[in-house]
Amino acid sequence: MKVSEADILIVPGYTNSGPDHWQTRWQQKLSTARRVEQEAWAKPVREDWVERMVAAVNAAERPVVIVAHSLGVATAIQAVPLFTKPVAGAFFVAPPDVANPEIRPRHLMTFGPYPREPLPFPSIMVASRNDPFGAYEHAEDIANAWGSFLVDAGESGHINAESGHGPWPEGTMVFAQFLSRLKG
């Protein structure tokens, strides 16, 4: 699949993705990419975030490719049963452990627990071995449950601008290869 054949939905997490974040950079470079905007980035409400995710997917004119980071992963996963339009694939990065009572802020737990049913579309998950919001073993567990291909990003923190992943060329290469294998 080519970028021009998909509606690429950028799904940021808690507090949005700033100007130096790889998601923002990808959105600027990918002609068919658009961000799923949330009303309250700093006070996420699961029902509201899921509703906006569902609306974005169901309004798509081409097959959807989801590009979710952090709480955006939880948002997308909780929305899957409500999609009426086809999703060609999902690229998940740094999924937080939303069932962990140690997560801060605590209201992020309202996005969990994750469903464990296999996803009805191909997916890839990129996870770090030292992500402060979710252990690698947790990512491995949910990737297995969902049927996602897991990419070990090594010790990469939360894979965001703060951890040095602004341009993130390795992620760009993995995404390009994933996209090329998707069918419309």
N, C-alpha and C. Protein backbone atom coordinates (compact mmCIF):
# COMPACT_ATOMS: atom_id res chain seq x y z
N MET A 1 0.84 -1.17 0.00
CA MET A 1 0.00 0.00 0.00
C MET A 1 0.89 1.23 0.00
N LYS A 2 0.46 2.24 -0.73
CA LYS A 2 1.17 3.52 -0.77
C LYS A 2 0.45 4.51 0.14
N VAL A 3 1.17 5.54 0.57
CA VAL A 3 0.59 6.58 1.42
C VAL A 3 -0.67 7.14 0.77
N SER A 4 -0.62 7.37 -0.54
CA SER A 4 -1.76 7.97 -1.25
C SER A 4 -3.00 7.08 -1.27
N GLU A 5 -2.84 5.82 -0.94
CA GLU A 5 -3.97 4.88 -0.95
C GLU A 5 -4.61 4.70 0.41
N ALA A 6 -4.13 5.41 1.41
CA ALA A 6 -4.62 5.22 2.78
C ALA A 6 -4.95 6.55 3.44
N ASP A 7 -5.85 6.50 4.39
CA ASP A 7 -6.05 7.61 5.32
C ASP A 7 -5.21 7.25 6.54
N ILE A 8 -4.14 7.98 6.77
CA ILE A 8 -3.24 7.70 7.88
C ILE A 8 -3.68 8.56 9.06
N LEU A 9 -4.09 7.90 10.12
CA LEU A 9 -4.57 8.60 11.30
C LEU A 9 -3.49 8.61 12.37
N ILE A 10 -3.02 9.80 12.71
CA ILE A 10 -2.03 9.99 13.75
C ILE A 10 -2.80 10.11 15.07
N VAL A 11 -2.51 9.22 16.01
CA VAL A 11 -3.25 9.17 17.27
C VAL A 11 -2.26 9.38 18.43
N PRO A 12 -2.09 10.64 18.86
CA PRO A 12 -1.17 10.92 19.96
C PRO A 12 -1.73 10.45 21.30
N GLY A 13 -0.87 10.49 22.27
CA GLY A 13 -1.25 10.12 23.62
C GLY A 13 -1.47 11.32 24.51
N TYR A 14 -1.37 11.07 25.78
CA TYR A 14 -1.57 12.07 26.84
C TYR A 14 -0.75 13.33 26.56
N THR A 15 -1.35 14.47 26.59
CA THR A 15 -0.81 15.82 26.35
C THR A 15 -0.44 16.09 24.89
N ASN A 16 -0.79 15.20 23.97
CA ASN A 16 -0.58 15.40 22.54
C ASN A 16 0.90 15.21 22.20
N SER A 17 1.21 15.27 20.92
CA SER A 17 2.59 15.17 20.45
C SER A 17 3.02 16.54 19.96
N GLY A 18 4.06 17.08 20.58
CA GLY A 18 4.53 18.42 20.27
C GLY A 18 5.23 18.53 18.93
N PRO A 19 5.74 19.71 18.61
CA PRO A 19 6.33 19.97 17.29
C PRO A 19 7.58 19.13 16.98
N ASP A 20 8.30 18.69 18.01
CA ASP A 20 9.51 17.89 17.77
C ASP A 20 9.25 16.38 17.79
N HIS A 21 8.05 15.97 18.14
CA HIS A 21 7.70 14.54 18.24
C HIS A 21 7.66 13.92 16.85
N TRP A 22 8.07 12.67 16.76
CA TRP A 22 8.07 11.98 15.47
C TRP A 22 6.68 11.94 14.85
N GLN A 23 5.60 11.85 15.64
CA GLN A 23 4.25 11.82 15.06
C GLN A 23 3.94 13.11 14.31
N THR A 24 4.32 14.24 14.89
CA THR A 24 4.08 15.54 14.25
C THR A 24 4.89 15.64 12.97
N ARG A 25 6.12 15.19 13.01
CA ARG A 25 6.98 15.22 11.82
C ARG A 25 6.41 14.34 10.72
N TRP A 26 5.93 13.14 11.09
CA TRP A 26 5.34 12.26 10.09
C TRP A 26 4.08 12.87 9.50
N GLN A 27 3.27 13.47 10.34
CA GLN A 27 2.03 14.08 9.86
C GLN A 27 2.34 15.16 8.81
N GLN A 28 3.40 15.91 9.04
CA GLN A 28 3.78 16.96 8.10
C GLN A 28 4.31 16.40 6.78
N LYS A 29 4.90 15.22 6.82
CA LYS A 29 5.52 14.64 5.63
C LYS A 29 4.59 13.72 4.83
N LEU A 30 3.63 13.10 5.48
CA LEU A 30 2.76 12.14 4.82
C LEU A 30 1.50 12.85 4.32
N SER A 31 1.32 12.88 3.01
CA SER A 31 0.27 13.68 2.39
C SER A 31 -1.15 13.34 2.84
N THR A 32 -1.39 12.11 3.22
CA THR A 32 -2.76 11.71 3.60
C THR A 32 -2.92 11.54 5.12
N ALA A 33 -1.95 12.05 5.87
CA ALA A 33 -2.00 11.91 7.33
C ALA A 33 -2.80 13.05 7.95
N ARG A 34 -3.57 12.71 8.96
CA ARG A 34 -4.26 13.72 9.77
C ARG A 34 -4.30 13.23 11.21
N ARG A 35 -4.32 14.17 12.10
CA ARG A 35 -4.31 13.88 13.53
C ARG A 35 -5.73 13.69 14.04
N VAL A 36 -5.90 12.71 14.91
CA VAL A 36 -7.16 12.58 15.63
C VAL A 36 -7.08 13.55 16.79
N GLU A 37 -7.79 14.66 16.68
CA GLU A 37 -7.74 15.72 17.69
C GLU A 37 -8.63 15.37 18.88
N GLN A 38 -8.14 15.69 20.05
CA GLN A 38 -8.91 15.49 21.28
C GLN A 38 -9.22 16.84 21.90
N GLU A 39 -10.35 16.93 22.56
CA GLU A 39 -10.75 18.20 23.18
C GLU A 39 -9.88 18.52 24.39
N ALA A 40 -9.57 17.51 25.19
CA ALA A 40 -8.82 17.74 26.42
C ALA A 40 -7.59 16.82 26.44
N TRP A 41 -6.49 17.31 25.88
CA TRP A 41 -5.27 16.51 25.81
C TRP A 41 -4.69 16.21 27.19
N ALA A 42 -4.83 17.13 28.13
CA ALA A 42 -4.23 16.94 29.45
C ALA A 42 -5.19 16.30 30.46
N LYS A 43 -6.45 16.15 30.10
CA LYS A 43 -7.43 15.49 30.97
C LYS A 43 -8.21 14.49 30.14
N PRO A 44 -7.55 13.40 29.73
CA PRO A 44 -8.20 12.45 28.84
C PRO A 44 -9.38 11.72 29.50
N VAL A 45 -10.47 11.68 28.78
CA VAL A 45 -11.65 10.93 29.20
C VAL A 45 -11.85 9.83 28.16
N ARG A 46 -11.77 8.60 28.60
CA ARG A 46 -11.80 7.46 27.68
C ARG A 46 -12.95 7.54 26.69
N GLU A 47 -14.15 7.77 27.15
CA GLU A 47 -15.31 7.77 26.26
C GLU A 47 -15.17 8.84 25.18
N ASP A 48 -14.70 10.03 25.56
CA ASP A 48 -14.53 11.12 24.60
C ASP A 48 -13.44 10.80 23.59
N TRP A 49 -12.31 10.31 24.07
CA TRP A 49 -11.20 10.00 23.17
C TRP A 49 -11.59 8.88 22.20
N VAL A 50 -12.25 7.86 22.71
CA VAL A 50 -12.68 6.74 21.86
C VAL A 50 -13.69 7.24 20.83
N GLU A 51 -14.62 8.08 21.24
CA GLU A 51 -15.63 8.62 20.33
C GLU A 51 -14.98 9.37 19.17
N ARG A 52 -13.97 10.17 19.46
CA ARG A 52 -13.29 10.92 18.40
C ARG A 52 -12.48 9.99 17.48
N MET A 53 -11.92 8.95 18.06
CA MET A 53 -11.19 7.96 17.26
C MET A 53 -12.15 7.25 16.31
N VAL A 54 -13.28 6.82 16.83
CA VAL A 54 -14.28 6.13 16.01
C VAL A 54 -14.77 7.05 14.89
N ALA A 55 -15.04 8.29 15.21
CA ALA A 55 -15.52 9.24 14.20
C ALA A 55 -14.48 9.42 13.09
N ALA A 56 -13.20 9.49 13.46
CA ALA A 56 -12.14 9.67 12.46
C ALA A 56 -12.04 8.46 11.54
N VAL A 57 -12.09 7.26 12.10
CA VAL A 57 -12.01 6.05 11.28
C VAL A 57 -13.25 5.94 10.40
N ASN A 58 -14.42 6.13 10.97
CA ASN A 58 -15.65 5.94 10.22
C ASN A 58 -15.91 7.02 9.18
N ALA A 59 -15.18 8.14 9.25
CA ALA A 59 -15.30 9.20 8.24
C ALA A 59 -14.28 9.02 7.11
N ALA A 60 -13.42 8.04 7.22
CA ALA A 60 -12.36 7.85 6.24
C ALA A 60 -12.93 7.47 4.87
N GLU A 61 -12.24 7.95 3.84
CA GLU A 61 -12.65 7.64 2.47
C GLU A 61 -11.78 6.54 1.85
N ARG A 62 -10.66 6.27 2.47
CA ARG A 62 -9.74 5.22 2.01
C ARG A 62 -9.51 4.28 3.19
N PRO A 63 -8.91 3.13 2.95
CA PRO A 63 -8.56 2.26 4.07
C PRO A 63 -7.68 3.02 5.07
N VAL A 64 -7.90 2.77 6.33
CA VAL A 64 -7.22 3.49 7.41
C VAL A 64 -5.97 2.76 7.85
N VAL A 65 -4.92 3.55 8.09
CA VAL A 65 -3.72 3.05 8.76
C VAL A 65 -3.57 3.92 10.01
N ILE A 66 -3.61 3.27 11.17
CA ILE A 66 -3.51 3.95 12.45
C ILE A 66 -2.04 4.02 12.86
N VAL A 67 -1.61 5.21 13.29
CA VAL A 67 -0.27 5.41 13.82
C VAL A 67 -0.45 5.98 15.22
N ALA A 68 -0.40 5.11 16.24
CA ALA A 68 -0.72 5.50 17.61
C ALA A 68 0.50 5.43 18.51
N HIS A 69 0.60 6.41 19.40
CA HIS A 69 1.67 6.44 20.39
C HIS A 69 1.07 6.52 21.78
N SER A 70 1.61 5.73 22.69
CA SER A 70 1.28 5.80 24.11
C SER A 70 -0.22 5.66 24.36
N LEU A 71 -0.84 6.63 25.01
CA LEU A 71 -2.27 6.53 25.31
C LEU A 71 -3.10 6.47 24.03
N GLY A 72 -2.53 6.91 22.91
CA GLY A 72 -3.20 6.76 21.62
C GLY A 72 -3.40 5.30 21.27
N VAL A 73 -2.47 4.43 21.70
CA VAL A 73 -2.63 2.98 21.49
C VAL A 73 -3.86 2.49 22.24
N ALA A 74 -3.97 2.88 23.51
CA ALA A 74 -5.12 2.46 24.32
C ALA A 74 -6.42 2.99 23.72
N THR A 75 -6.40 4.21 23.24
CA THR A 75 -7.58 4.81 22.62
C THR A 75 -8.00 4.00 21.39
N ALA A 76 -7.04 3.72 20.52
CA ALA A 76 -7.35 2.97 19.29
C ALA A 76 -7.88 1.58 19.61
N ILE A 77 -7.25 0.90 20.54
CA ILE A 77 -7.66 -0.47 20.88
C ILE A 77 -9.07 -0.49 21.46
N GLN A 78 -9.39 0.47 22.31
CA GLN A 78 -10.74 0.50 22.90
C GLN A 78 -11.79 0.83 21.84
N ALA A 79 -11.39 1.50 20.75
CA ALA A 79 -12.33 1.90 19.70
C ALA A 79 -12.58 0.82 18.64
N VAL A 80 -11.71 -0.15 18.53
CA VAL A 80 -11.78 -1.15 17.45
C VAL A 80 -13.18 -1.75 17.26
N PRO A 81 -13.88 -2.18 18.30
CA PRO A 81 -15.19 -2.80 18.07
C PRO A 81 -16.23 -1.87 17.44
N LEU A 82 -15.97 -0.56 17.45
CA LEU A 82 -16.94 0.41 16.95
C LEU A 82 -16.64 0.90 15.53
N PHE A 83 -15.57 0.41 14.93
CA PHE A 83 -15.22 0.83 13.57
C PHE A 83 -16.19 0.21 12.57
N THR A 84 -16.68 1.03 11.64
CA THR A 84 -17.52 0.52 10.56
C THR A 84 -16.80 0.59 9.22
N LYS A 85 -15.68 1.25 9.17
CA LYS A 85 -14.88 1.35 7.94
C LYS A 85 -13.66 0.44 8.09
N PRO A 86 -13.10 0.01 6.95
CA PRO A 86 -11.96 -0.91 7.04
C PRO A 86 -10.68 -0.25 7.56
N VAL A 87 -10.00 -0.97 8.42
CA VAL A 87 -8.68 -0.57 8.89
C VAL A 87 -7.69 -1.52 8.22
N ALA A 88 -6.76 -0.95 7.47
CA ALA A 88 -5.79 -1.77 6.75
C ALA A 88 -4.69 -2.26 7.68
N GLY A 89 -4.38 -1.46 8.72
CA GLY A 89 -3.32 -1.85 9.64
C GLY A 89 -3.10 -0.80 10.70
N ALA A 90 -2.33 -1.18 11.71
CA ALA A 90 -2.03 -0.26 12.82
C ALA A 90 -0.56 -0.37 13.21
N PHE A 91 0.03 0.78 13.47
CA PHE A 91 1.42 0.90 13.89
C PHE A 91 1.38 1.48 15.30
N PHE A 92 1.61 0.62 16.29
CA PHE A 92 1.51 1.01 17.70
C PHE A 92 2.91 1.22 18.28
N VAL A 93 3.09 2.32 19.02
CA VAL A 93 4.40 2.63 19.60
C VAL A 93 4.24 2.96 21.08
N ALA A 94 5.06 2.33 21.90
CA ALA A 94 5.15 2.60 23.34
C ALA A 94 3.81 2.50 24.06
N PRO A 95 3.17 1.32 24.02
CA PRO A 95 1.88 1.18 24.70
C PRO A 95 2.06 1.27 26.22
N PRO A 96 1.31 2.14 26.87
CA PRO A 96 1.42 2.23 28.33
C PRO A 96 0.68 1.07 28.99
N ASP A 97 1.11 0.73 30.17
CA ASP A 97 0.42 -0.30 30.95
C ASP A 97 -0.70 0.39 31.74
N VAL A 98 -1.86 0.53 31.11
CA VAL A 98 -2.96 1.27 31.71
C VAL A 98 -3.68 0.50 32.81
N ALA A 99 -3.25 -0.71 33.08
CA ALA A 99 -3.81 -1.47 34.20
C ALA A 99 -2.90 -1.42 35.42
N ASN A 100 -1.76 -0.77 35.30
CA ASN A 100 -0.79 -0.68 36.39
C ASN A 100 -1.20 0.43 37.35
N PRO A 101 -1.47 0.12 38.60
CA PRO A 101 -1.89 1.16 39.55
C PRO A 101 -0.81 2.19 39.85
N GLU A 102 0.42 1.95 39.41
CA GLU A 102 1.51 2.92 39.61
C GLU A 102 1.56 3.98 38.51
N ILE A 103 0.76 3.83 37.44
CA ILE A 103 0.80 4.79 36.34
C ILE A 103 0.35 6.16 36.83
N ARG A 104 1.01 7.19 36.32
CA ARG A 104 0.65 8.57 36.66
C ARG A 104 0.45 9.34 35.38
N PRO A 105 -0.53 10.21 35.31
CA PRO A 105 -1.59 10.40 36.29
C PRO A 105 -2.52 9.19 36.35
N ARG A 106 -3.09 8.98 37.52
CA ARG A 106 -3.88 7.78 37.78
C ARG A 106 -5.10 7.64 36.89
N HIS A 107 -5.66 8.75 36.42
CA HIS A 107 -6.86 8.63 35.59
C HIS A 107 -6.58 7.96 34.23
N LEU A 108 -5.31 7.75 33.89
CA LEU A 108 -5.00 7.01 32.67
C LEU A 108 -5.45 5.55 32.78
N MET A 109 -5.61 5.08 34.01
CA MET A 109 -6.08 3.70 34.22
C MET A 109 -7.48 3.50 33.68
N THR A 110 -8.24 4.56 33.50
CA THR A 110 -9.60 4.41 32.96
C THR A 110 -9.58 3.89 31.53
N PHE A 111 -8.41 3.93 30.87
CA PHE A 111 -8.29 3.41 29.51
C PHE A 111 -8.03 1.90 29.48
N GLY A 112 -7.87 1.30 30.64
CA GLY A 112 -7.59 -0.13 30.71
C GLY A 112 -8.77 -0.86 31.29
N PRO A 113 -8.65 -2.14 31.42
CA PRO A 113 -7.57 -2.96 30.85
C PRO A 113 -7.75 -3.10 29.34
N TYR A 114 -6.67 -3.52 28.71
CA TYR A 114 -6.74 -3.74 27.27
C TYR A 114 -7.57 -4.98 26.95
N PRO A 115 -8.39 -4.93 25.90
CA PRO A 115 -9.02 -6.17 25.42
C PRO A 115 -7.91 -7.11 24.94
N ARG A 116 -8.17 -8.38 24.97
CA ARG A 116 -7.14 -9.35 24.60
C ARG A 116 -7.48 -10.14 23.33
N GLU A 117 -8.55 -9.76 22.66
CA GLU A 117 -8.92 -10.46 21.43
C GLU A 117 -7.94 -10.09 20.31
N PRO A 118 -7.68 -11.03 19.41
CA PRO A 118 -6.83 -10.72 18.26
C PRO A 118 -7.45 -9.59 17.43
N LEU A 119 -6.61 -8.73 16.90
CA LEU A 119 -7.10 -7.61 16.10
C LEU A 119 -7.54 -8.10 14.72
N PRO A 120 -8.55 -7.45 14.14
CA PRO A 120 -9.05 -7.88 12.83
C PRO A 120 -8.26 -7.29 11.67
N PHE A 121 -7.06 -6.77 11.94
CA PHE A 121 -6.21 -6.19 10.90
C PHE A 121 -4.76 -6.39 11.32
N PRO A 122 -3.82 -6.32 10.37
CA PRO A 122 -2.40 -6.47 10.71
C PRO A 122 -1.93 -5.31 11.58
N SER A 123 -1.01 -5.62 12.47
CA SER A 123 -0.46 -4.57 13.33
C SER A 123 0.98 -4.88 13.69
N ILE A 124 1.67 -3.80 14.02
CA ILE A 124 3.04 -3.90 14.48
C ILE A 124 3.15 -3.06 15.73
N MET A 125 3.92 -3.52 16.68
CA MET A 125 4.11 -2.77 17.92
C MET A 125 5.60 -2.57 18.15
N VAL A 126 5.97 -1.33 18.43
CA VAL A 126 7.35 -1.00 18.75
C VAL A 126 7.38 -0.67 20.24
N ALA A 127 8.21 -1.40 20.97
CA ALA A 127 8.27 -1.21 22.43
C ALA A 127 9.71 -1.12 22.89
N SER A 128 9.89 -0.35 23.94
CA SER A 128 11.21 -0.10 24.52
C SER A 128 11.41 -0.96 25.77
N ARG A 129 12.63 -1.27 26.05
CA ARG A 129 12.96 -2.08 27.23
C ARG A 129 13.02 -1.23 28.51
N ASN A 130 13.02 0.10 28.39
CA ASN A 130 13.06 0.95 29.58
C ASN A 130 12.02 2.07 29.52
N ASP A 131 10.86 1.75 28.99
CA ASP A 131 9.77 2.73 28.91
C ASP A 131 9.21 2.93 30.32
N PRO A 132 9.21 4.16 30.84
CA PRO A 132 8.70 4.38 32.19
C PRO A 132 7.20 4.17 32.33
N PHE A 133 6.48 4.07 31.22
CA PHE A 133 5.02 3.90 31.28
C PHE A 133 4.54 2.49 30.98
N GLY A 134 5.47 1.59 30.70
CA GLY A 134 5.06 0.22 30.44
C GLY A 134 6.25 -0.69 30.24
N ALA A 135 6.27 -1.77 30.98
CA ALA A 135 7.36 -2.74 30.87
C ALA A 135 7.33 -3.44 29.51
N TYR A 136 8.51 -3.80 29.03
CA TYR A 136 8.60 -4.52 27.76
C TYR A 136 7.80 -5.82 27.81
N GLU A 137 7.83 -6.50 28.94
CA GLU A 137 7.08 -7.76 29.08
C GLU A 137 5.58 -7.54 28.92
N HIS A 138 5.10 -6.39 29.36
CA HIS A 138 3.68 -6.06 29.18
C HIS A 138 3.38 -5.88 27.69
N ALA A 139 4.24 -5.14 26.99
CA ALA A 139 4.06 -4.94 25.56
C ALA A 139 4.11 -6.27 24.82
N GLU A 140 5.02 -7.12 25.22
CA GLU A 140 5.15 -8.44 24.61
C GLU A 140 3.87 -9.26 24.80
N ASP A 141 3.31 -9.19 25.99
CA ASP A 141 2.09 -9.92 26.31
C ASP A 141 0.90 -9.44 25.46
N ILE A 142 0.70 -8.12 25.39
CA ILE A 142 -0.45 -7.64 24.61
C ILE A 142 -0.22 -7.79 23.11
N ALA A 143 1.01 -7.67 22.66
CA ALA A 143 1.30 -7.90 21.24
C ALA A 143 0.93 -9.34 20.87
N ASN A 144 1.29 -10.28 21.73
CA ASN A 144 0.92 -11.68 21.48
C ASN A 144 -0.59 -11.86 21.45
N ALA A 145 -1.28 -11.26 22.38
CA ALA A 145 -2.75 -11.38 22.44
C ALA A 145 -3.40 -10.80 21.19
N TRP A 146 -2.89 -9.67 20.71
CA TRP A 146 -3.50 -8.99 19.56
C TRP A 146 -3.04 -9.55 18.22
N GLY A 147 -1.99 -10.36 18.23
CA GLY A 147 -1.43 -10.86 16.97
C GLY A 147 -0.54 -9.83 16.30
N SER A 148 0.01 -8.90 17.09
CA SER A 148 0.88 -7.85 16.56
C SER A 148 2.31 -8.35 16.44
N PHE A 149 3.00 -7.91 15.41
CA PHE A 149 4.42 -8.20 15.29
C PHE A 149 5.15 -7.23 16.21
N LEU A 150 5.96 -7.73 17.11
CA LEU A 150 6.64 -6.90 18.09
C LEU A 150 8.06 -6.57 17.65
N VAL A 151 8.39 -5.28 17.69
CA VAL A 151 9.73 -4.81 17.38
C VAL A 151 10.36 -4.32 18.68
N ASP A 152 11.49 -4.90 19.03
CA ASP A 152 12.24 -4.52 20.23
C ASP A 152 13.08 -3.28 19.91
N ALA A 153 12.72 -2.16 20.52
CA ALA A 153 13.44 -0.90 20.27
C ALA A 153 14.62 -0.71 21.22
N GLY A 154 14.96 -1.75 21.99
CA GLY A 154 16.08 -1.62 22.92
C GLY A 154 15.74 -0.64 24.03
N GLU A 155 16.73 0.02 24.54
CA GLU A 155 16.52 0.99 25.61
C GLU A 155 16.29 2.36 24.99
N SER A 156 15.04 2.63 24.68
CA SER A 156 14.66 3.85 23.95
C SER A 156 13.71 4.74 24.72
N GLY A 157 13.55 4.50 26.01
CA GLY A 157 12.63 5.33 26.79
C GLY A 157 11.20 5.21 26.28
N HIS A 158 10.50 6.33 26.26
CA HIS A 158 9.09 6.33 25.84
C HIS A 158 8.93 6.59 24.34
N ILE A 159 10.01 6.56 23.61
CA ILE A 159 10.03 6.75 22.16
C ILE A 159 9.26 8.03 21.79
N ASN A 160 9.71 9.12 22.38
CA ASN A 160 9.12 10.43 22.11
C ASN A 160 10.25 11.45 21.97
N ALA A 161 9.89 12.70 21.81
CA ALA A 161 10.92 13.73 21.63
C ALA A 161 11.84 13.82 22.85
N GLU A 162 11.28 13.65 24.04
CA GLU A 162 12.08 13.73 25.27
C GLU A 162 13.13 12.63 25.35
N SER A 163 12.87 11.50 24.72
CA SER A 163 13.85 10.40 24.74
C SER A 163 14.74 10.42 23.50
N GLY A 164 14.68 11.53 22.75
CA GLY A 164 15.55 11.67 21.58
C GLY A 164 14.97 11.15 20.29
N HIS A 165 13.67 10.93 20.24
CA HIS A 165 13.03 10.37 19.05
C HIS A 165 12.16 11.41 18.36
N GLY A 166 12.81 12.49 17.92
CA GLY A 166 12.12 13.49 17.12
C GLY A 166 12.03 12.99 15.69
N PRO A 167 13.15 13.01 14.96
CA PRO A 167 13.11 12.50 13.59
C PRO A 167 12.85 10.99 13.51
N TRP A 168 13.42 10.21 14.37
CA TRP A 168 13.26 8.76 14.48
C TRP A 168 13.33 8.03 13.13
N PRO A 169 14.50 8.07 12.48
CA PRO A 169 14.63 7.41 11.17
C PRO A 169 14.38 5.91 11.20
N GLU A 170 14.75 5.25 12.31
CA GLU A 170 14.51 3.80 12.40
C GLU A 170 13.00 3.50 12.35
N GLY A 171 12.24 4.33 13.04
CA GLY A 171 10.78 4.16 13.03
C GLY A 171 10.20 4.40 11.65
N THR A 172 10.74 5.39 10.96
CA THR A 172 10.28 5.69 9.60
C THR A 172 10.50 4.48 8.70
N MET A 173 11.66 3.84 8.82
CA MET A 173 11.95 2.67 7.98
C MET A 173 11.03 1.51 8.31
N VAL A 174 10.79 1.26 9.59
CA VAL A 174 9.91 0.16 9.99
C VAL A 174 8.49 0.44 9.49
N PHE A 175 8.02 1.68 9.63
CA PHE A 175 6.68 2.03 9.17
C PHE A 175 6.56 1.89 7.65
N ALA A 176 7.56 2.35 6.92
CA ALA A 176 7.52 2.25 5.45
C ALA A 176 7.44 0.79 5.00
N GLN A 177 8.21 -0.07 5.65
CA GLN A 177 8.18 -1.49 5.30
C GLN A 177 6.82 -2.10 5.64
N PHE A 178 6.27 -1.74 6.81
CA PHE A 178 4.95 -2.22 7.23
C PHE A 178 3.89 -1.77 6.23
N LEU A 179 3.90 -0.49 5.87
CA LEU A 179 2.92 0.06 4.95
C LEU A 179 3.00 -0.65 3.59
N SER A 180 4.19 -0.94 3.13
CA SER A 180 4.35 -1.58 1.82
C SER A 180 3.74 -2.98 1.78
N ARG A 181 3.56 -3.60 2.93
CA ARG A 181 3.01 -4.96 2.98
C ARG A 181 1.49 -4.99 3.17
N LEU A 182 0.90 -3.83 3.43
CA LEU A 182 -0.54 -3.79 3.67
C LEU A 182 -1.31 -3.83 2.36
N LYS A 183 -2.50 -4.38 2.42
CA LYS A 183 -3.39 -4.45 1.27
C LYS A 183 -4.57 -3.52 1.53
N GLY A 184 -5.00 -2.83 0.51
CA GLY A 184 -6.08 -1.85 0.63
C GLY A 184 -7.43 -2.37 0.78
